[in-house]
Amino acid sequence: MHCELSTTGRLRLDTAYRCPACRFGRIAMMPLMEVMACDLCRHIFDVDLGKQEVKMNGSLPPLSWRWNGRTWHDPFAQGPNRLDKLVALAMLVFPAALVGGLAWRFGPPPDAPLAWLPPLWTALTFTCHLGCVLLAVCSYYQFSPVTFAKALARRLQQRLATGLS
C-alpha cells in the first residue's frame, strides 16, 4: 500500500513522512503500536506528538529530530559557526602542511628507493584528517553514510525486483 508523504502540517501518527535517518524511506505508524518505522532502513522511532519529535530507538547517543511542519530538524542544532569552520580547516591543512613541509625539507633525495613515500605519507595525513572532519560533520548533522548506502542499495534492489517481474 502506497501513501503520499506529508510535507505540511503537524506530526501525526496516521500520516507517512520522509525518514529522518536515511532520508530515502518513509516512516509510518506500525500497527497496534505508538511508534513509527521506516520501510527502507528499518529503524523504529518513538513519537512525541507534544514536542513534534521522533527519537530513534537503539542508537547511542539517542538521535532525535523535530518536525517543523515541512522537514526534520535536529532540535539541538544551532549550525556551525565561523570558529567551527576555522578549526575544521586548520585540522585539515596544518597537519598535512607540516608533514609535507618536513618531507620536502628533510626528505630523501629524488633518486632514493623510497622517494615516493613522503608524498604518499602527506596524502594519507590529509585523507585521515579529512575522515575525522567528515565524521564530526556527519555526527553533528546526525547523518549516517552507512545507513544511507544501505537504504540506497535496498531501494535499487526493490526497483530491480519490480522491474523484472
N, C-alpha and C. Protein backbone atom coordinates (compact mmCIF):
# COMPACT_ATOMS: atom_id res chain seq x y z
N MET A 1 0.84 -1.17 0.00
CA MET A 1 0.00 0.00 0.00
C MET A 1 0.89 1.23 0.00
N HIS A 2 0.66 2.12 -0.94
CA HIS A 2 1.48 3.31 -1.08
C HIS A 2 0.65 4.52 -0.63
N CYS A 3 1.21 5.36 0.21
CA CYS A 3 0.54 6.59 0.59
C CYS A 3 1.51 7.74 0.39
N GLU A 4 0.96 8.90 0.09
CA GLU A 4 1.78 10.08 -0.17
C GLU A 4 2.47 10.55 1.10
N LEU A 5 3.67 11.09 0.94
CA LEU A 5 4.42 11.62 2.07
C LEU A 5 3.89 12.99 2.43
N SER A 6 3.80 13.25 3.73
CA SER A 6 3.35 14.56 4.19
C SER A 6 4.52 15.54 4.15
N THR A 7 4.24 16.73 3.67
CA THR A 7 5.25 17.78 3.68
C THR A 7 4.73 19.04 4.36
N THR A 8 3.52 18.99 4.87
CA THR A 8 2.98 20.15 5.59
C THR A 8 2.17 19.66 6.78
N GLY A 9 2.01 20.53 7.75
CA GLY A 9 1.16 20.24 8.89
C GLY A 9 1.90 19.68 10.08
N ARG A 10 1.12 19.37 11.11
CA ARG A 10 1.68 18.85 12.35
C ARG A 10 1.97 17.36 12.22
N LEU A 11 2.87 16.89 13.06
CA LEU A 11 3.24 15.47 13.09
C LEU A 11 2.05 14.68 13.63
N ARG A 12 1.65 13.66 12.87
CA ARG A 12 0.53 12.80 13.27
C ARG A 12 0.92 11.36 13.03
N LEU A 13 0.33 10.46 13.79
CA LEU A 13 0.65 9.04 13.66
C LEU A 13 0.04 8.40 12.41
N ASP A 14 -1.03 8.96 11.90
CA ASP A 14 -1.71 8.35 10.76
C ASP A 14 -1.20 8.86 9.41
N THR A 15 -0.07 9.54 9.40
CA THR A 15 0.49 10.11 8.18
C THR A 15 1.91 9.60 7.98
N ALA A 16 2.31 9.43 6.74
CA ALA A 16 3.67 8.98 6.42
C ALA A 16 4.56 10.20 6.18
N TYR A 17 5.82 10.06 6.58
CA TYR A 17 6.80 11.14 6.44
C TYR A 17 8.09 10.58 5.88
N ARG A 18 8.91 11.43 5.30
CA ARG A 18 10.25 11.02 4.84
C ARG A 18 11.06 10.64 6.07
N CYS A 19 11.84 9.57 5.98
CA CYS A 19 12.64 9.09 7.12
C CYS A 19 13.76 10.08 7.42
N PRO A 20 13.87 10.53 8.67
CA PRO A 20 14.95 11.47 9.00
C PRO A 20 16.32 10.81 9.07
N ALA A 21 16.37 9.49 9.22
CA ALA A 21 17.66 8.81 9.34
C ALA A 21 18.29 8.53 7.98
N CYS A 22 17.56 7.86 7.10
CA CYS A 22 18.13 7.50 5.79
C CYS A 22 17.79 8.53 4.71
N ARG A 23 16.77 9.35 4.94
CA ARG A 23 16.34 10.39 4.03
C ARG A 23 15.79 9.87 2.69
N PHE A 24 15.60 8.56 2.59
CA PHE A 24 15.06 7.97 1.37
C PHE A 24 13.74 7.25 1.63
N GLY A 25 13.68 6.53 2.73
CA GLY A 25 12.49 5.75 3.03
C GLY A 25 11.37 6.63 3.57
N ARG A 26 10.31 5.98 3.97
CA ARG A 26 9.22 6.73 4.59
C ARG A 26 8.87 6.07 5.91
N ILE A 27 8.58 6.89 6.90
CA ILE A 27 8.19 6.35 8.19
C ILE A 27 6.68 6.47 8.31
N ALA A 28 6.10 5.42 8.83
CA ALA A 28 4.66 5.38 9.04
C ALA A 28 4.42 4.61 10.34
N MET A 29 3.20 4.75 10.86
CA MET A 29 2.86 4.10 12.12
C MET A 29 2.88 2.58 11.95
N MET A 30 3.42 1.90 12.96
CA MET A 30 3.37 0.44 12.98
C MET A 30 2.02 0.03 13.56
N PRO A 31 1.39 -0.98 13.00
CA PRO A 31 0.09 -1.40 13.50
C PRO A 31 0.14 -1.81 14.98
N LEU A 32 -0.86 -1.40 15.72
CA LEU A 32 -1.05 -1.72 17.13
C LEU A 32 0.05 -1.17 18.04
N MET A 33 0.81 -0.19 17.57
CA MET A 33 1.87 0.40 18.39
C MET A 33 1.85 1.91 18.19
N GLU A 34 2.41 2.62 19.14
CA GLU A 34 2.51 4.07 19.01
C GLU A 34 3.93 4.47 18.63
N VAL A 35 4.48 3.77 17.66
CA VAL A 35 5.81 4.08 17.13
C VAL A 35 5.70 4.12 15.61
N MET A 36 6.70 4.72 15.00
CA MET A 36 6.78 4.75 13.54
C MET A 36 8.02 3.98 13.12
N ALA A 37 7.97 3.39 11.93
CA ALA A 37 9.10 2.63 11.41
C ALA A 37 9.33 3.00 9.96
N CYS A 38 10.61 2.95 9.57
CA CYS A 38 10.98 3.25 8.19
C CYS A 38 10.84 1.98 7.36
N ASP A 39 10.28 2.11 6.18
CA ASP A 39 10.12 0.95 5.31
C ASP A 39 11.40 0.60 4.56
N LEU A 40 12.42 1.44 4.65
CA LEU A 40 13.65 1.19 3.91
C LEU A 40 14.83 0.85 4.81
N CYS A 41 15.11 1.69 5.79
CA CYS A 41 16.27 1.42 6.65
C CYS A 41 15.89 0.61 7.89
N ARG A 42 14.59 0.41 8.12
CA ARG A 42 14.09 -0.45 9.19
C ARG A 42 14.31 0.11 10.60
N HIS A 43 14.55 1.40 10.73
CA HIS A 43 14.68 1.98 12.07
C HIS A 43 13.30 2.21 12.67
N ILE A 44 13.23 2.12 13.99
CA ILE A 44 11.98 2.35 14.72
C ILE A 44 12.14 3.63 15.52
N PHE A 45 11.11 4.46 15.49
CA PHE A 45 11.15 5.77 16.12
C PHE A 45 10.03 5.90 17.15
N ASP A 46 10.38 6.36 18.37
CA ASP A 46 9.38 6.76 19.34
C ASP A 46 8.86 8.13 18.93
N VAL A 47 7.57 8.34 19.09
CA VAL A 47 6.96 9.59 18.65
C VAL A 47 6.48 10.37 19.86
N ASP A 48 6.82 11.65 19.93
CA ASP A 48 6.31 12.56 20.94
C ASP A 48 5.53 13.64 20.21
N LEU A 49 4.19 13.47 20.17
CA LEU A 49 3.36 14.41 19.42
C LEU A 49 3.33 15.79 20.05
N GLY A 50 3.49 15.87 21.37
CA GLY A 50 3.51 17.17 22.04
C GLY A 50 4.69 18.02 21.62
N LYS A 51 5.84 17.40 21.53
CA LYS A 51 7.06 18.11 21.12
C LYS A 51 7.25 18.10 19.60
N GLN A 52 6.39 17.35 18.88
CA GLN A 52 6.54 17.19 17.44
C GLN A 52 7.91 16.62 17.12
N GLU A 53 8.25 15.51 17.79
CA GLU A 53 9.60 14.97 17.73
C GLU A 53 9.56 13.45 17.60
N VAL A 54 10.55 12.89 16.90
CA VAL A 54 10.75 11.45 16.86
C VAL A 54 12.14 11.16 17.39
N LYS A 55 12.27 10.03 18.10
CA LYS A 55 13.57 9.62 18.64
C LYS A 55 13.84 8.20 18.17
N MET A 56 15.04 7.98 17.62
CA MET A 56 15.40 6.66 17.10
C MET A 56 15.74 5.73 18.25
N ASN A 57 15.08 4.58 18.27
CA ASN A 57 15.38 3.56 19.28
C ASN A 57 16.68 2.85 18.94
N GLY A 58 17.44 2.52 19.96
CA GLY A 58 18.63 1.70 19.77
C GLY A 58 19.85 2.41 19.24
N SER A 59 19.93 3.71 19.38
CA SER A 59 21.13 4.41 18.93
C SER A 59 21.78 5.11 20.11
N LEU A 60 23.09 5.10 20.12
CA LEU A 60 23.86 5.79 21.16
C LEU A 60 24.75 6.80 20.49
N PRO A 61 24.68 8.06 20.78
CA PRO A 61 23.70 8.71 21.64
C PRO A 61 22.33 8.69 20.96
N PRO A 62 21.26 8.85 21.76
CA PRO A 62 19.93 8.82 21.17
C PRO A 62 19.75 9.95 20.16
N LEU A 63 19.37 9.60 18.95
CA LEU A 63 19.17 10.59 17.90
C LEU A 63 17.71 11.00 17.87
N SER A 64 17.48 12.29 17.74
CA SER A 64 16.11 12.78 17.68
C SER A 64 16.01 13.88 16.64
N TRP A 65 14.82 14.00 16.07
CA TRP A 65 14.55 15.01 15.08
C TRP A 65 13.21 15.66 15.40
N ARG A 66 13.09 16.94 15.14
CA ARG A 66 11.85 17.68 15.37
C ARG A 66 11.23 18.03 14.01
N TRP A 67 9.92 17.82 13.92
CA TRP A 67 9.18 18.13 12.70
C TRP A 67 8.74 19.58 12.77
N ASN A 68 9.10 20.39 11.76
CA ASN A 68 8.74 21.80 11.77
C ASN A 68 7.53 22.10 10.89
N GLY A 69 6.88 21.07 10.40
CA GLY A 69 5.74 21.25 9.52
C GLY A 69 6.06 20.92 8.08
N ARG A 70 7.35 20.96 7.72
CA ARG A 70 7.78 20.65 6.36
C ARG A 70 8.93 19.65 6.30
N THR A 71 9.91 19.80 7.21
CA THR A 71 11.10 18.95 7.19
C THR A 71 11.51 18.60 8.61
N TRP A 72 12.46 17.66 8.73
CA TRP A 72 13.01 17.27 10.02
C TRP A 72 14.22 18.13 10.35
N HIS A 73 14.33 18.50 11.63
CA HIS A 73 15.48 19.27 12.11
C HIS A 73 15.95 18.68 13.43
N ASP A 74 17.26 18.77 13.66
CA ASP A 74 17.84 18.37 14.94
C ASP A 74 17.43 19.44 15.95
N PRO A 75 16.74 19.06 17.04
CA PRO A 75 16.26 20.08 17.99
C PRO A 75 17.38 20.81 18.72
N PHE A 76 18.58 20.25 18.75
CA PHE A 76 19.67 20.87 19.50
C PHE A 76 20.67 21.58 18.59
N ALA A 77 20.51 21.45 17.28
CA ALA A 77 21.49 22.03 16.36
C ALA A 77 21.31 23.53 16.26
N GLN A 78 22.43 24.23 16.26
CA GLN A 78 22.42 25.67 16.06
C GLN A 78 23.21 26.04 14.81
N GLY A 79 23.82 25.07 14.19
CA GLY A 79 24.62 25.31 13.00
C GLY A 79 26.05 25.63 13.35
N PRO A 80 26.96 25.25 12.49
CA PRO A 80 28.37 25.54 12.77
C PRO A 80 28.65 27.04 12.63
N ASN A 81 29.43 27.56 13.56
CA ASN A 81 29.78 28.97 13.47
C ASN A 81 31.13 29.11 12.78
N ARG A 82 31.61 30.33 12.68
CA ARG A 82 32.85 30.61 11.97
C ARG A 82 34.05 29.92 12.62
N LEU A 83 34.06 29.87 13.96
CA LEU A 83 35.17 29.23 14.67
C LEU A 83 35.21 27.73 14.37
N ASP A 84 34.04 27.08 14.31
CA ASP A 84 34.00 25.65 13.98
C ASP A 84 34.59 25.39 12.61
N LYS A 85 34.24 26.22 11.65
CA LYS A 85 34.76 26.06 10.29
C LYS A 85 36.26 26.30 10.25
N LEU A 86 36.73 27.28 11.01
CA LEU A 86 38.16 27.58 11.05
C LEU A 86 38.94 26.43 11.67
N VAL A 87 38.40 25.84 12.74
CA VAL A 87 39.06 24.70 13.39
C VAL A 87 39.10 23.50 12.43
N ALA A 88 38.01 23.25 11.72
CA ALA A 88 37.99 22.14 10.76
C ALA A 88 39.01 22.36 9.65
N LEU A 89 39.10 23.58 9.16
CA LEU A 89 40.07 23.88 8.11
C LEU A 89 41.49 23.73 8.63
N ALA A 90 41.74 24.21 9.85
CA ALA A 90 43.08 24.08 10.43
C ALA A 90 43.43 22.62 10.67
N MET A 91 42.44 21.82 11.05
CA MET A 91 42.68 20.39 11.29
C MET A 91 43.03 19.66 9.99
N LEU A 92 42.53 20.18 8.88
CA LEU A 92 42.87 19.59 7.58
C LEU A 92 44.23 20.07 7.07
N VAL A 93 44.43 21.38 7.10
CA VAL A 93 45.59 21.96 6.44
C VAL A 93 46.87 21.84 7.26
N PHE A 94 46.82 22.16 8.55
CA PHE A 94 48.04 22.23 9.35
C PHE A 94 48.81 20.91 9.41
N PRO A 95 48.19 19.77 9.76
CA PRO A 95 48.97 18.52 9.81
C PRO A 95 49.55 18.12 8.46
N ALA A 96 48.75 18.26 7.40
CA ALA A 96 49.26 17.89 6.07
C ALA A 96 50.38 18.82 5.64
N ALA A 97 50.25 20.12 5.93
CA ALA A 97 51.31 21.07 5.58
C ALA A 97 52.57 20.79 6.39
N LEU A 98 52.41 20.44 7.65
CA LEU A 98 53.56 20.13 8.50
C LEU A 98 54.30 18.89 7.98
N VAL A 99 53.56 17.83 7.71
CA VAL A 99 54.19 16.60 7.20
C VAL A 99 54.80 16.85 5.82
N GLY A 100 54.07 17.54 4.95
CA GLY A 100 54.58 17.82 3.60
C GLY A 100 55.81 18.72 3.63
N GLY A 101 55.77 19.75 4.47
CA GLY A 101 56.92 20.66 4.58
C GLY A 101 58.16 19.96 5.11
N LEU A 102 57.98 19.16 6.14
CA LEU A 102 59.12 18.43 6.70
C LEU A 102 59.63 17.37 5.72
N ALA A 103 58.72 16.74 4.99
CA ALA A 103 59.15 15.75 3.99
C ALA A 103 59.92 16.44 2.86
N TRP A 104 59.50 17.63 2.50
CA TRP A 104 60.19 18.36 1.43
C TRP A 104 61.57 18.82 1.90
N ARG A 105 61.62 19.32 3.16
CA ARG A 105 62.88 19.86 3.68
C ARG A 105 63.87 18.76 4.05
N PHE A 106 63.41 17.72 4.70
CA PHE A 106 64.31 16.67 5.20
C PHE A 106 64.10 15.33 4.50
N GLY A 107 63.40 15.32 3.39
CA GLY A 107 63.08 14.07 2.71
C GLY A 107 64.28 13.45 2.02
N PRO A 108 64.08 12.26 1.50
CA PRO A 108 65.16 11.57 0.80
C PRO A 108 65.45 12.24 -0.55
N PRO A 109 66.61 12.01 -1.10
CA PRO A 109 66.90 12.55 -2.43
C PRO A 109 65.96 11.93 -3.47
N PRO A 110 65.73 12.63 -4.58
CA PRO A 110 64.76 12.15 -5.58
C PRO A 110 65.10 10.79 -6.18
N ASP A 111 66.36 10.41 -6.19
CA ASP A 111 66.72 9.13 -6.79
C ASP A 111 66.79 7.99 -5.77
N ALA A 112 66.38 8.24 -4.53
CA ALA A 112 66.39 7.20 -3.49
C ALA A 112 65.25 6.21 -3.74
N PRO A 113 65.40 4.96 -3.27
CA PRO A 113 64.36 3.95 -3.50
C PRO A 113 63.02 4.29 -2.84
N LEU A 114 63.04 5.01 -1.72
CA LEU A 114 61.78 5.35 -1.03
C LEU A 114 61.38 6.81 -1.24
N ALA A 115 61.76 7.39 -2.35
CA ALA A 115 61.42 8.79 -2.63
C ALA A 115 59.91 8.99 -2.78
N TRP A 116 59.18 7.94 -3.07
CA TRP A 116 57.72 8.02 -3.23
C TRP A 116 56.98 8.08 -1.90
N LEU A 117 57.66 7.73 -0.80
CA LEU A 117 56.98 7.63 0.49
C LEU A 117 56.53 8.98 1.07
N PRO A 118 57.34 10.04 1.08
CA PRO A 118 56.87 11.31 1.67
C PRO A 118 55.61 11.90 1.02
N PRO A 119 55.50 11.93 -0.31
CA PRO A 119 54.23 12.43 -0.87
C PRO A 119 53.03 11.55 -0.50
N LEU A 120 53.25 10.24 -0.47
CA LEU A 120 52.17 9.34 -0.07
C LEU A 120 51.78 9.57 1.38
N TRP A 121 52.77 9.75 2.24
CA TRP A 121 52.51 9.99 3.66
C TRP A 121 51.75 11.30 3.86
N THR A 122 52.10 12.32 3.09
CA THR A 122 51.40 13.61 3.16
C THR A 122 49.94 13.44 2.73
N ALA A 123 49.72 12.71 1.63
CA ALA A 123 48.35 12.47 1.16
C ALA A 123 47.56 11.66 2.17
N LEU A 124 48.18 10.66 2.78
CA LEU A 124 47.49 9.87 3.81
C LEU A 124 47.15 10.71 5.03
N THR A 125 48.05 11.62 5.41
CA THR A 125 47.77 12.52 6.54
C THR A 125 46.55 13.37 6.24
N PHE A 126 46.51 13.95 5.05
CA PHE A 126 45.36 14.78 4.67
C PHE A 126 44.08 13.94 4.63
N THR A 127 44.15 12.75 4.05
CA THR A 127 42.97 11.88 3.94
C THR A 127 42.44 11.46 5.30
N CYS A 128 43.33 11.10 6.21
CA CYS A 128 42.90 10.69 7.56
C CYS A 128 42.26 11.85 8.31
N HIS A 129 42.84 13.04 8.19
CA HIS A 129 42.25 14.19 8.87
C HIS A 129 40.93 14.61 8.22
N LEU A 130 40.83 14.44 6.91
CA LEU A 130 39.56 14.70 6.23
C LEU A 130 38.49 13.74 6.74
N GLY A 131 38.86 12.47 6.94
CA GLY A 131 37.92 11.50 7.50
C GLY A 131 37.45 11.90 8.89
N CYS A 132 38.36 12.41 9.72
CA CYS A 132 37.98 12.86 11.07
C CYS A 132 37.00 14.03 11.00
N VAL A 133 37.27 14.98 10.10
CA VAL A 133 36.37 16.14 9.96
C VAL A 133 35.01 15.68 9.44
N LEU A 134 35.00 14.80 8.45
CA LEU A 134 33.73 14.31 7.91
C LEU A 134 32.95 13.51 8.95
N LEU A 135 33.64 12.75 9.78
CA LEU A 135 32.98 12.02 10.86
C LEU A 135 32.33 12.98 11.84
N ALA A 136 33.01 14.06 12.18
CA ALA A 136 32.44 15.07 13.08
C ALA A 136 31.23 15.75 12.45
N VAL A 137 31.31 16.05 11.16
CA VAL A 137 30.19 16.69 10.47
C VAL A 137 29.00 15.75 10.40
N CYS A 138 29.23 14.48 10.05
CA CYS A 138 28.14 13.50 10.00
C CYS A 138 27.50 13.31 11.37
N SER A 139 28.31 13.29 12.40
CA SER A 139 27.79 13.15 13.76
C SER A 139 26.97 14.37 14.15
N TYR A 140 27.44 15.55 13.80
CA TYR A 140 26.73 16.78 14.16
C TYR A 140 25.38 16.85 13.46
N TYR A 141 25.35 16.52 12.17
CA TYR A 141 24.10 16.60 11.42
C TYR A 141 23.29 15.31 11.50
N GLN A 142 23.71 14.35 12.31
CA GLN A 142 23.01 13.09 12.52
C GLN A 142 22.75 12.39 11.19
N PHE A 143 23.80 12.29 10.38
CA PHE A 143 23.72 11.64 9.08
C PHE A 143 24.62 10.41 9.11
N SER A 144 24.06 9.27 8.77
CA SER A 144 24.82 8.03 8.76
C SER A 144 25.05 7.59 7.31
N PRO A 145 26.29 7.72 6.81
CA PRO A 145 26.55 7.28 5.44
C PRO A 145 26.28 5.79 5.23
N VAL A 146 26.52 4.97 6.24
CA VAL A 146 26.28 3.53 6.12
C VAL A 146 24.79 3.26 5.95
N THR A 147 23.97 3.89 6.78
CA THR A 147 22.52 3.73 6.67
C THR A 147 22.04 4.25 5.33
N PHE A 148 22.58 5.38 4.90
CA PHE A 148 22.21 5.96 3.61
C PHE A 148 22.55 4.99 2.47
N ALA A 149 23.74 4.40 2.51
CA ALA A 149 24.15 3.46 1.47
C ALA A 149 23.28 2.21 1.47
N LYS A 150 22.96 1.69 2.67
CA LYS A 150 22.10 0.51 2.76
C LYS A 150 20.71 0.82 2.21
N ALA A 151 20.18 1.98 2.56
CA ALA A 151 18.85 2.37 2.08
C ALA A 151 18.85 2.54 0.57
N LEU A 152 19.90 3.13 0.05
CA LEU A 152 20.02 3.31 -1.40
C LEU A 152 20.10 1.96 -2.10
N ALA A 153 20.88 1.03 -1.55
CA ALA A 153 21.00 -0.30 -2.14
C ALA A 153 19.67 -1.04 -2.07
N ARG A 154 18.96 -0.92 -0.95
CA ARG A 154 17.66 -1.59 -0.82
C ARG A 154 16.65 -1.00 -1.81
N ARG A 155 16.68 0.33 -1.98
CA ARG A 155 15.77 0.97 -2.94
C ARG A 155 16.07 0.49 -4.36
N LEU A 156 17.35 0.39 -4.71
CA LEU A 156 17.74 -0.09 -6.03
C LEU A 156 17.31 -1.54 -6.22
N GLN A 157 17.48 -2.34 -5.18
CA GLN A 157 17.08 -3.75 -5.23
C GLN A 157 15.56 -3.87 -5.43
N GLN A 158 14.78 -3.01 -4.75
CA GLN A 158 13.33 -3.04 -4.91
C GLN A 158 12.93 -2.65 -6.33
N ARG A 159 13.60 -1.63 -6.87
CA ARG A 159 13.27 -1.19 -8.23
C ARG A 159 13.61 -2.27 -9.25
N LEU A 160 14.75 -2.94 -9.05
CA LEU A 160 15.12 -4.01 -9.97
C LEU A 160 14.15 -5.18 -9.86
N ALA A 161 13.70 -5.50 -8.65
CA ALA A 161 12.77 -6.60 -8.45
C ALA A 161 11.42 -6.30 -9.10
N THR A 162 10.93 -5.07 -8.97
CA THR A 162 9.64 -4.73 -9.57
C THR A 162 9.76 -4.56 -11.08
N GLY A 163 10.94 -4.18 -11.56
CA GLY A 163 11.15 -4.03 -13.00
C GLY A 163 11.26 -5.36 -13.71
N LEU A 164 11.78 -6.38 -13.03
CA LEU A 164 11.95 -7.69 -13.64
C LEU A 164 10.70 -8.55 -13.58
N SER A 165 9.80 -8.26 -12.65
CA SER A 165 8.61 -9.11 -12.53
C SER A 165 7.45 -8.61 -13.34
